Amino acid sequence: MVADLAAAPLAVTGMGATTPLGGDVETTWRALLDGRSGVAALDNSWVEDYGIATNFAASLKVPADAVLSPQERRRADPSAQYALIAARQAWADAGSPAVDPERLAVVMATGVGGLQTMLGAWDTVRDRGARRLLPLTVPMLMPNSPAAAVAIDLGARAGAHAPVSACASGAEALVTGARLIQLGLADVVVAGGAEAAIHPLTLGAFGKMQALSTRSDSPETASRPYCATRDGFVMGEGGAAVVLESAAHAEARRARTHAALVGAGSSSDAYDVAPPDPSGQGQLRAMRAALAQAGPGVAATVAHVNAHATATPAGDAIEARAIVEALTWAFGSAERATAIPVSGTKSMTGHLLGAAGAVESIFTILALRDRLAPPTTNIQRLDPEVTCHVVRDRPEPLPATGPLAAMNNAFGFGGHNIALVFASV
């Protein structure tokens, strides 16, 4: 847990993203509010060649080759490419701060890392021999390659960190970035996550776990968080980044602040390598820690939750119960807790794995900015075990006046739990 965020909240001064819904933050957000799906059938021969049961995913809306130069793409795994695109956007959005490079750090997470490079390199060795390997194969395939690429691009010398905690990775990057600033190790941190794991190996392996939806007849409605007929998540890809700095540092340079990061909580289930603890106690501890750090005054203003909500049969109901319990603890009222709007945005973006927590932190911040909770699409019939108030079909207005806070959850295989609380400014 990050220390003293309530006393010294961090300003989010820049945001960038490339997702299955759009090539930047605003395009993605508009598509999300419109309830559009980024999921489509895959036009790849390997779906049939290798007997992949799930032949659809949420691919990038704007391919990296439309943004980066050929040389940049040759030197970076797709995951690092997505990180570069998002970080450059965030940096520009923050006004390209004039900061001492030795006070600028990068925390860029991933859940899988340079999978495309690694497996492509093995294909090269097997089919054409080791002499045909690219000289930069190892630096490109390492999980730290997105962080390294962004640090080199921005000239960040205060550290380049690469948290890897499965689907909680992108959110944990923000926690790590906040810690660097709170400990006085950096003045500005570019934090986020990137993932490029749409590949027959991952689709086949997740399918073997029965974690993926198999609704090939209707890919765009396959991701169904909280629906009684949900049957698994949909693989997505993309990248997202935010610029974090102390409120004092942001004020001194007269930066625009999108929101304040006021609470962060983390925990581990210590239960299983894949499914979450059925009791939800690990998730609850992370949420309570984040709300407690934000302080009772801020916790009382929570008006929205962007849930992890992957559309797996077990996971959604566990999280829904934990959300209600955490908010009941914060508000002292179960009735109020069950009325807070909860969004499952993976219904449209798919699950971006290591990038999900960063992308959905941006969604949480934008919900505060526009005072709108995005919808959860594709719910044909709400699971009766879900007692939280799920936003369905269209955006739901949040209170029009007064200070607001919102919480973002990110949970990963192995029992990694992160909860973040943001406040309006």
Protein backbone atom coordinates (compact mmCIF):
# COMPACT_ATOMS: atom_id res chain seq x y z
CA MET A 1 0.00 0.00 0.00
CA VAL A 2 1.28 3.48 -0.86
CA ALA A 3 1.95 5.69 2.14
CA ASP A 4 0.33 9.05 2.83
CA LEU A 5 -1.64 9.46 -0.40
CA ALA A 6 -4.55 10.99 1.49
CA ALA A 7 -2.29 13.68 2.94
CA ALA A 8 -0.43 14.24 -0.33
CA PRO A 9 -2.56 13.08 -3.27
CA LEU A 10 -0.94 12.65 -6.65
CA ALA A 11 -2.08 14.56 -9.71
CA VAL A 12 -2.87 12.72 -12.94
CA THR A 13 -1.78 15.28 -15.51
CA GLY A 14 -1.59 13.20 -18.69
CA MET A 15 -3.40 10.24 -20.23
CA GLY A 16 -2.77 8.17 -23.36
CA ALA A 17 -4.17 4.95 -24.77
CA THR A 18 -4.50 2.74 -27.82
CA THR A 19 -7.28 0.18 -27.50
CA PRO A 20 -9.69 -2.01 -29.44
CA LEU A 21 -12.10 0.94 -29.41
CA GLY A 22 -9.81 3.72 -30.62
CA GLY A 23 -6.30 4.97 -31.20
CA ASP A 24 -6.42 7.54 -28.41
CA VAL A 25 -8.15 8.31 -25.12
CA GLU A 26 -11.03 10.46 -26.36
CA THR A 27 -11.95 8.22 -29.30
CA THR A 28 -11.91 5.20 -27.00
CA TRP A 29 -14.04 6.97 -24.40
CA ARG A 30 -16.67 8.09 -26.90
CA ALA A 31 -16.95 4.54 -28.26
CA LEU A 32 -17.25 3.20 -24.73
CA LEU A 33 -20.07 5.59 -23.85
CA ASP A 34 -21.80 4.65 -27.11
CA GLY A 35 -21.67 0.99 -26.13
CA ARG A 36 -19.65 -0.10 -29.15
CA SER A 37 -17.83 -3.42 -29.23
CA GLY A 38 -14.17 -3.78 -30.14
CA VAL A 39 -14.50 -7.55 -30.54
CA ALA A 40 -14.52 -9.23 -33.95
CA ALA A 41 -13.71 -12.51 -35.65
CA LEU A 42 -10.03 -13.10 -36.34
CA ASP A 43 -8.99 -13.20 -39.97
CA ASN A 44 -6.08 -15.59 -39.40
CA SER A 45 -5.49 -18.99 -40.98
CA TRP A 46 -4.08 -20.34 -37.74
CA VAL A 47 -7.50 -20.31 -36.09
CA GLU A 48 -8.49 -23.26 -38.27
CA ASP A 49 -4.98 -24.70 -38.72
CA TYR A 50 -4.41 -25.22 -35.00
CA GLY A 51 -7.96 -26.03 -33.91
CA ILE A 52 -8.43 -22.90 -31.79
CA ALA A 53 -11.91 -23.02 -30.25
CA THR A 54 -12.14 -19.23 -29.86
CA ASN A 55 -11.77 -17.51 -33.22
CA PHE A 56 -12.35 -13.92 -32.10
CA ALA A 57 -10.65 -11.23 -30.00
CA ALA A 58 -10.50 -7.49 -29.43
CA SER A 59 -7.64 -6.29 -31.64
CA LEU A 60 -6.31 -2.73 -31.80
CA LYS A 61 -8.63 -0.33 -33.59
CA VAL A 62 -5.67 1.62 -35.02
CA PRO A 63 -2.73 -0.67 -35.90
CA ALA A 64 0.69 0.31 -34.63
CA ASP A 65 2.00 0.54 -38.19
CA ALA A 66 -0.31 3.52 -38.72
CA VAL A 67 1.43 5.39 -35.89
CA LEU A 68 5.04 4.24 -35.59
CA SER A 69 7.82 4.27 -38.17
CA PRO A 70 9.06 1.01 -39.73
CA GLN A 71 12.33 1.35 -37.81
CA GLU A 72 10.51 1.78 -34.48
CA ARG A 73 8.46 -1.32 -35.15
CA ARG A 74 11.49 -3.41 -36.17
CA ARG A 75 13.19 -2.65 -32.85
CA ALA A 76 10.24 -3.31 -30.53
CA ASP A 77 7.86 -6.12 -29.71
CA PRO A 78 4.22 -5.15 -30.29
CA SER A 79 3.74 -4.80 -26.53
CA ALA A 80 6.50 -2.18 -26.43
CA GLN A 81 5.03 -0.51 -29.51
CA TYR A 82 1.68 -0.10 -27.76
CA ALA A 83 3.44 1.25 -24.68
CA LEU A 84 5.28 3.84 -26.78
CA ILE A 85 2.09 5.01 -28.47
CA ALA A 86 0.25 5.40 -25.16
CA ALA A 87 3.17 7.01 -23.32
CA ARG A 88 3.78 9.58 -26.06
CA GLN A 89 0.12 10.56 -25.96
CA ALA A 90 0.17 10.86 -22.17
CA TRP A 91 3.36 12.89 -22.23
CA ALA A 92 1.94 15.32 -24.79
CA ASP A 93 -1.33 15.53 -22.85
CA ALA A 94 0.64 16.48 -19.74
CA GLY A 95 2.27 19.34 -21.65
CA SER A 96 5.63 17.57 -22.14
CA PRO A 97 6.88 18.57 -18.67
CA ALA A 98 10.31 20.18 -18.42
CA VAL A 99 11.64 17.83 -15.76
CA ASP A 100 15.19 16.83 -14.86
CA PRO A 101 15.70 13.40 -16.50
CA GLU A 102 17.11 12.13 -13.20
CA ARG A 103 13.75 12.98 -11.59
CA LEU A 104 11.65 11.29 -14.28
CA ALA A 105 10.76 7.59 -13.95
CA VAL A 106 8.80 5.05 -15.97
CA VAL A 107 6.69 2.16 -14.69
CA MET A 108 5.29 0.19 -17.61
CA ALA A 109 3.75 -3.16 -16.75
CA THR A 110 2.79 -6.22 -18.73
CA GLY A 111 1.17 -9.52 -17.94
CA VAL A 112 2.69 -11.66 -20.69
CA GLY A 113 5.44 -9.54 -22.23
CA GLY A 114 7.18 -10.09 -25.56
CA LEU A 115 5.24 -13.17 -26.56
CA GLN A 116 5.04 -12.28 -30.25
CA THR A 117 8.80 -11.83 -30.46
CA MET A 118 9.62 -14.97 -28.50
CA LEU A 119 7.37 -17.30 -30.46
CA GLY A 120 8.26 -15.66 -33.77
CA ALA A 121 11.94 -16.17 -32.96
CA TRP A 122 11.37 -19.84 -32.23
CA ASP A 123 9.60 -20.21 -35.58
CA THR A 124 12.66 -18.65 -37.22
CA VAL A 125 15.09 -21.00 -35.45
CA ARG A 126 13.01 -24.06 -36.27
CA ASP A 127 12.32 -23.22 -39.90
CA ARG A 128 15.36 -21.21 -41.01
CA GLY A 129 18.09 -21.67 -38.42
CA ALA A 130 19.56 -19.55 -35.62
CA ARG A 131 21.62 -17.47 -38.02
CA ARG A 132 18.41 -15.77 -39.19
CA LEU A 133 17.44 -14.47 -35.76
CA LEU A 134 17.18 -10.71 -35.25
CA PRO A 135 20.08 -9.29 -33.21
CA LEU A 136 17.64 -7.55 -30.82
CA THR A 137 15.52 -10.64 -30.16
CA VAL A 138 16.36 -10.89 -26.45
CA PRO A 139 15.83 -7.19 -25.57
CA MET A 140 12.56 -7.28 -27.50
CA LEU A 141 11.11 -10.37 -25.84
CA MET A 142 11.90 -9.46 -22.22
CA PRO A 143 8.95 -8.33 -20.07
CA ASN A 144 10.76 -5.08 -19.29
CA SER A 145 10.92 -4.11 -22.99
CA PRO A 146 7.85 -1.79 -22.82
CA ALA A 147 9.31 0.03 -19.80
CA ALA A 148 12.73 0.25 -21.40
CA ALA A 149 11.32 1.53 -24.70
CA VAL A 150 9.36 4.30 -22.97
CA ALA A 151 12.27 5.26 -20.70
CA ILE A 152 14.62 5.55 -23.68
CA ASP A 153 12.05 7.50 -25.66
CA LEU A 154 11.46 10.04 -22.88
CA GLY A 155 15.00 10.07 -21.50
CA ALA A 156 13.80 8.95 -18.06
CA ARG A 157 16.76 8.24 -15.74
CA ALA A 158 15.12 7.94 -12.31
CA GLY A 159 14.23 4.31 -13.00
CA ALA A 160 12.41 2.06 -15.44
CA HIS A 161 10.26 -0.52 -13.70
CA ALA A 162 8.18 -3.40 -15.06
CA PRO A 163 5.66 -4.92 -12.62
CA VAL A 164 4.34 -8.29 -13.74
CA SER A 165 1.28 -9.40 -11.78
CA ALA A 166 -0.95 -10.91 -14.46
CA CYS A 167 -4.15 -8.93 -15.03
CA ALA A 168 -3.41 -6.59 -12.10
CA SER A 169 -0.14 -5.42 -13.70
CA GLY A 170 -1.37 -2.15 -15.23
CA ALA A 171 -2.93 -1.02 -11.97
CA GLU A 172 0.12 -2.08 -9.98
CA ALA A 173 2.19 0.17 -12.25
CA LEU A 174 0.27 3.15 -10.89
CA VAL A 175 0.83 1.96 -7.32
CA THR A 176 4.56 1.62 -7.99
CA GLY A 177 4.69 5.02 -9.67
CA ALA A 178 2.92 6.62 -6.74
CA ARG A 179 5.36 5.00 -4.33
CA LEU A 180 8.36 6.41 -6.24
CA ILE A 181 6.99 9.94 -5.92
CA GLN A 182 5.95 9.51 -2.28
CA LEU A 183 9.43 8.24 -1.40
CA GLY A 184 11.01 11.24 -3.10
CA LEU A 185 12.70 9.16 -5.78
CA ALA A 186 11.04 10.94 -8.71
CA ASP A 187 9.05 14.10 -9.41
CA VAL A 188 7.19 12.76 -12.44
CA VAL A 189 6.33 9.18 -13.36
CA VAL A 190 4.86 7.79 -16.57
CA ALA A 191 2.95 4.69 -15.47
CA GLY A 192 0.78 2.20 -17.32
CA GLY A 193 0.59 -1.16 -19.01
CA ALA A 194 0.79 -2.78 -22.44
CA GLU A 195 -0.15 -6.16 -23.84
CA ALA A 196 0.01 -7.86 -27.26
CA ALA A 197 -0.94 -11.48 -26.63
CA ILE A 198 -3.47 -12.37 -29.32
CA HIS A 199 -1.74 -15.53 -30.53
CA PRO A 200 -2.72 -19.17 -31.06
CA LEU A 201 -0.71 -20.24 -28.01
CA THR A 202 -2.49 -17.89 -25.59
CA LEU A 203 -5.92 -18.40 -27.12
CA GLY A 204 -5.40 -22.14 -27.06
CA ALA A 205 -4.04 -22.19 -23.51
CA PHE A 206 -6.71 -19.91 -22.04
CA GLY A 207 -9.26 -21.99 -23.90
CA LYS A 208 -7.89 -25.15 -22.31
CA MET A 209 -8.47 -23.50 -18.93
CA GLN A 210 -12.06 -22.83 -20.00
CA ALA A 211 -11.40 -19.16 -19.26
CA LEU A 212 -12.37 -17.81 -22.70
CA SER A 213 -15.80 -17.29 -24.17
CA THR A 214 -16.55 -19.61 -27.06
CA ARG A 215 -19.44 -17.64 -28.56
CA SER A 216 -18.06 -17.64 -32.08
CA ASP A 217 -21.56 -17.12 -33.46
CA SER A 218 -21.67 -13.61 -31.96
CA PRO A 219 -18.20 -12.27 -31.13
CA GLU A 220 -19.34 -8.70 -30.47
CA THR A 221 -21.65 -9.86 -27.66
CA ALA A 222 -19.40 -12.61 -26.29
CA SER A 223 -18.01 -10.60 -23.36
CA ARG A 224 -20.89 -10.54 -20.88
CA PRO A 225 -19.86 -9.33 -17.42
CA TYR A 226 -22.52 -10.05 -14.80
CA CYS A 227 -24.79 -11.80 -17.29
CA ALA A 228 -26.29 -15.10 -16.17
CA THR A 229 -25.12 -16.63 -19.47
CA ARG A 230 -21.49 -15.43 -19.33
CA ASP A 231 -18.98 -18.10 -20.32
CA GLY A 232 -15.55 -16.47 -20.12
CA PHE A 233 -13.50 -13.46 -21.09
CA VAL A 234 -12.52 -12.18 -24.53
CA MET A 235 -8.84 -11.56 -25.27
CA GLY A 236 -7.91 -7.95 -25.98
CA GLU A 237 -4.76 -5.97 -26.65
CA GLY A 238 -3.52 -2.41 -26.27
CA GLY A 239 -1.69 0.01 -24.05
CA ALA A 240 -2.40 2.87 -21.67
CA ALA A 241 -0.33 5.34 -19.67
CA VAL A 242 -0.83 8.18 -17.25
CA VAL A 243 1.51 10.89 -16.04
CA LEU A 244 1.69 11.11 -12.25
CA GLU A 245 3.23 13.91 -10.21
CA SER A 246 2.76 15.46 -6.81
CA ALA A 247 -0.01 18.02 -6.59
CA ALA A 248 2.59 20.62 -5.61
CA HIS A 249 4.77 19.82 -8.60
CA ALA A 250 1.80 20.00 -10.96
CA GLU A 251 0.66 23.29 -9.47
CA ALA A 252 4.13 24.79 -9.70
CA ARG A 253 4.24 24.19 -13.45
CA ARG A 254 0.56 25.16 -13.84
CA ALA A 255 -0.37 21.79 -15.27
CA ARG A 256 -3.93 20.72 -15.95
CA THR A 257 -4.95 17.95 -13.56
CA HIS A 258 -7.46 15.33 -14.70
CA ALA A 259 -7.96 13.76 -11.28
CA ALA A 260 -6.12 12.95 -8.06
CA LEU A 261 -4.95 9.50 -7.05
CA VAL A 262 -5.92 9.44 -3.37
CA GLY A 263 -5.95 5.77 -2.38
CA ALA A 264 -4.25 2.53 -3.34
CA GLY A 265 -4.64 -0.89 -1.82
CA SER A 266 -3.05 -4.23 -2.61
CA SER A 267 -3.37 -7.75 -1.29
CA SER A 268 -2.83 -11.35 -2.33
CA ASP A 269 -5.24 -14.25 -2.00
CA ALA A 270 -2.59 -16.94 -1.38
CA TYR A 271 -5.27 -19.32 -2.63
CA ASP A 272 -4.65 -20.67 -6.13
CA VAL A 273 -2.64 -20.00 -9.29
CA ALA A 274 -5.77 -19.25 -11.31
CA PRO A 275 -9.23 -18.84 -9.67
CA PRO A 276 -9.74 -16.17 -7.02
CA ASP A 277 -10.49 -17.01 -3.42
CA PRO A 278 -14.25 -17.76 -3.43
CA SER A 279 -14.67 -15.77 -0.21
CA GLY A 280 -13.50 -12.59 -1.95
CA GLN A 281 -11.60 -11.60 1.19
CA GLY A 282 -8.40 -10.71 -0.69
CA GLN A 283 -10.28 -8.42 -3.04
CA LEU A 284 -12.15 -6.92 -0.11
CA ARG A 285 -8.90 -6.19 1.75
CA ALA A 286 -7.48 -4.34 -1.28
CA MET A 287 -10.62 -2.23 -1.66
CA ARG A 288 -10.86 -1.44 2.04
CA ALA A 289 -7.18 -0.47 2.12
CA ALA A 290 -7.64 1.92 -0.81
CA LEU A 291 -10.77 3.46 0.71
CA ALA A 292 -9.13 3.76 4.11
CA GLN A 293 -6.13 5.48 2.62
CA ALA A 294 -8.34 7.91 0.77
CA GLY A 295 -9.85 8.81 4.14
CA PRO A 296 -13.45 8.77 5.36
CA GLY A 297 -14.24 12.16 3.81
CA VAL A 298 -13.23 11.03 0.32
CA ALA A 299 -14.52 7.46 0.70
CA ALA A 300 -17.94 8.90 1.51
CA THR A 301 -18.01 10.56 -1.94
CA VAL A 302 -17.40 7.38 -3.96
CA ALA A 303 -20.02 7.45 -6.71
CA HIS A 304 -18.74 4.87 -9.18
CA VAL A 305 -16.76 1.63 -9.43
CA ASN A 306 -15.05 0.37 -12.57
CA ALA A 307 -15.01 -3.33 -11.81
CA HIS A 308 -12.50 -5.94 -12.93
CA ALA A 309 -15.52 -7.94 -14.21
CA THR A 310 -13.94 -10.23 -16.79
CA ALA A 311 -17.16 -12.21 -17.53
CA THR A 312 -15.87 -15.45 -16.05
CA PRO A 313 -18.62 -17.46 -14.35
CA ALA A 314 -16.98 -17.49 -10.90
CA GLY A 315 -15.06 -14.22 -10.82
CA ASP A 316 -17.82 -11.69 -11.44
CA ALA A 317 -20.05 -12.80 -8.60
CA ILE A 318 -17.15 -12.93 -6.14
CA GLU A 319 -16.11 -9.38 -6.99
CA ALA A 320 -19.69 -8.08 -6.91
CA ARG A 321 -20.11 -9.30 -3.32
CA ALA A 322 -16.76 -7.82 -2.31
CA ILE A 323 -17.65 -4.43 -3.84
CA VAL A 324 -20.89 -4.25 -1.87
CA GLU A 325 -19.13 -5.28 1.33
CA ALA A 326 -16.32 -2.74 0.84
CA LEU A 327 -18.72 0.12 0.11
CA THR A 328 -20.95 -0.89 3.02
CA TRP A 329 -17.88 -0.64 5.24
CA ALA A 330 -17.04 2.81 3.79
CA PHE A 331 -20.57 4.22 3.92
CA GLY A 332 -21.97 2.43 6.94
CA SER A 333 -25.01 1.64 4.77
CA ALA A 334 -25.68 -1.48 2.72
CA GLU A 335 -28.58 0.23 0.98
CA ARG A 336 -26.35 3.01 -0.29
CA ALA A 337 -23.60 0.53 -1.23
CA THR A 338 -25.94 -1.42 -3.50
CA ALA A 339 -26.97 1.79 -5.29
CA ILE A 340 -23.48 2.86 -6.44
CA PRO A 341 -23.12 2.47 -10.25
CA VAL A 342 -20.73 -0.34 -11.23
CA SER A 343 -19.36 -0.65 -14.79
CA GLY A 344 -17.92 -3.71 -16.52
CA THR A 345 -16.11 -2.09 -19.44
CA LYS A 346 -14.47 -5.31 -20.64
CA SER A 347 -17.83 -6.02 -22.25
CA MET A 348 -16.65 -3.67 -25.01
CA THR A 349 -12.84 -3.65 -24.88
CA GLY A 350 -12.28 -7.29 -24.12
CA HIS A 351 -9.67 -8.11 -21.48
CA LEU A 352 -6.36 -6.33 -22.11
CA LEU A 353 -4.58 -8.49 -19.50
CA GLY A 354 -1.56 -6.53 -18.25
CA ALA A 355 -2.86 -3.30 -19.76
CA ALA A 356 -6.39 -3.61 -18.36
CA GLY A 357 -5.76 -1.91 -15.01
CA ALA A 358 -4.16 1.12 -16.68
CA VAL A 359 -6.83 1.46 -19.39
CA GLU A 360 -9.61 1.15 -16.84
CA SER A 361 -7.96 3.66 -14.51
CA ILE A 362 -8.31 6.13 -17.37
CA PHE A 363 -11.97 5.14 -17.75
CA THR A 364 -12.45 5.75 -14.03
CA ILE A 365 -10.88 9.20 -14.29
CA LEU A 366 -13.02 10.09 -17.32
CA ALA A 367 -16.15 8.96 -15.49
CA LEU A 368 -15.30 11.54 -12.81
CA ARG A 369 -14.56 14.21 -15.40
CA ASP A 370 -17.78 13.75 -17.35
CA ARG A 371 -19.81 12.54 -14.38
CA LEU A 372 -20.96 9.55 -16.37
CA ALA A 373 -20.63 5.86 -15.52
CA PRO A 374 -20.09 3.89 -18.75
CA PRO A 375 -22.45 1.02 -19.53
CA THR A 376 -21.95 -2.71 -19.25
CA THR A 377 -23.16 -4.18 -22.52
CA ASN A 378 -24.36 -7.64 -23.57
CA ILE A 379 -26.28 -8.43 -20.38
CA GLN A 380 -29.23 -10.50 -21.48
CA ARG A 381 -30.24 -11.46 -17.96
CA LEU A 382 -28.49 -10.21 -14.83
CA ASP A 383 -27.02 -12.95 -12.66
CA PRO A 384 -29.24 -13.08 -9.55
CA GLU A 385 -26.12 -13.53 -7.40
CA VAL A 386 -24.93 -10.05 -8.44
CA THR A 387 -26.28 -7.58 -5.90
CA CYS A 388 -24.29 -4.49 -6.85
CA HIS A 389 -25.93 -1.89 -9.11
CA VAL A 390 -24.62 -2.72 -12.59
CA VAL A 391 -24.89 0.05 -15.19
CA ARG A 392 -26.53 -1.48 -18.25
CA ASP A 393 -26.99 -0.53 -21.91
CA ARG A 394 -26.34 3.23 -21.62
CA PRO A 395 -24.24 5.60 -19.47
CA GLU A 396 -25.62 6.54 -16.08
CA PRO A 397 -25.25 10.10 -14.73
CA LEU A 398 -23.25 10.61 -11.56
CA PRO A 399 -24.06 13.49 -9.18
CA ALA A 400 -23.79 16.72 -11.16
CA THR A 401 -22.22 18.83 -8.42
CA GLY A 402 -19.83 18.44 -5.53
CA PRO A 403 -16.64 16.42 -5.09
CA LEU A 404 -16.71 12.84 -6.33
CA ALA A 405 -14.48 9.79 -6.01
CA ALA A 406 -14.41 6.54 -7.97
CA MET A 407 -12.67 3.18 -7.52
CA ASN A 408 -10.99 0.90 -10.06
CA ASN A 409 -10.36 -2.78 -9.39
CA ALA A 410 -7.78 -5.01 -11.06
CA PHE A 411 -7.22 -8.64 -10.09
CA GLY A 412 -4.83 -11.17 -11.58
CA PHE A 413 -4.12 -14.89 -11.78
CA GLY A 414 -2.19 -15.98 -8.71
CA GLY A 415 -4.36 -13.86 -6.44
CA HIS A 416 -2.93 -10.39 -7.14
CA ASN A 417 -5.41 -7.70 -6.06
CA ILE A 418 -5.15 -3.95 -6.64
CA ALA A 419 -7.74 -1.25 -5.93
CA LEU A 420 -7.26 2.43 -6.76
CA VAL A 421 -9.34 5.41 -5.65
CA PHE A 422 -9.40 8.60 -7.72
CA ALA A 423 -10.98 11.90 -6.76
CA SER A 424 -12.28 14.73 -8.91
CA VAL A 425 -10.43 18.04 -8.86
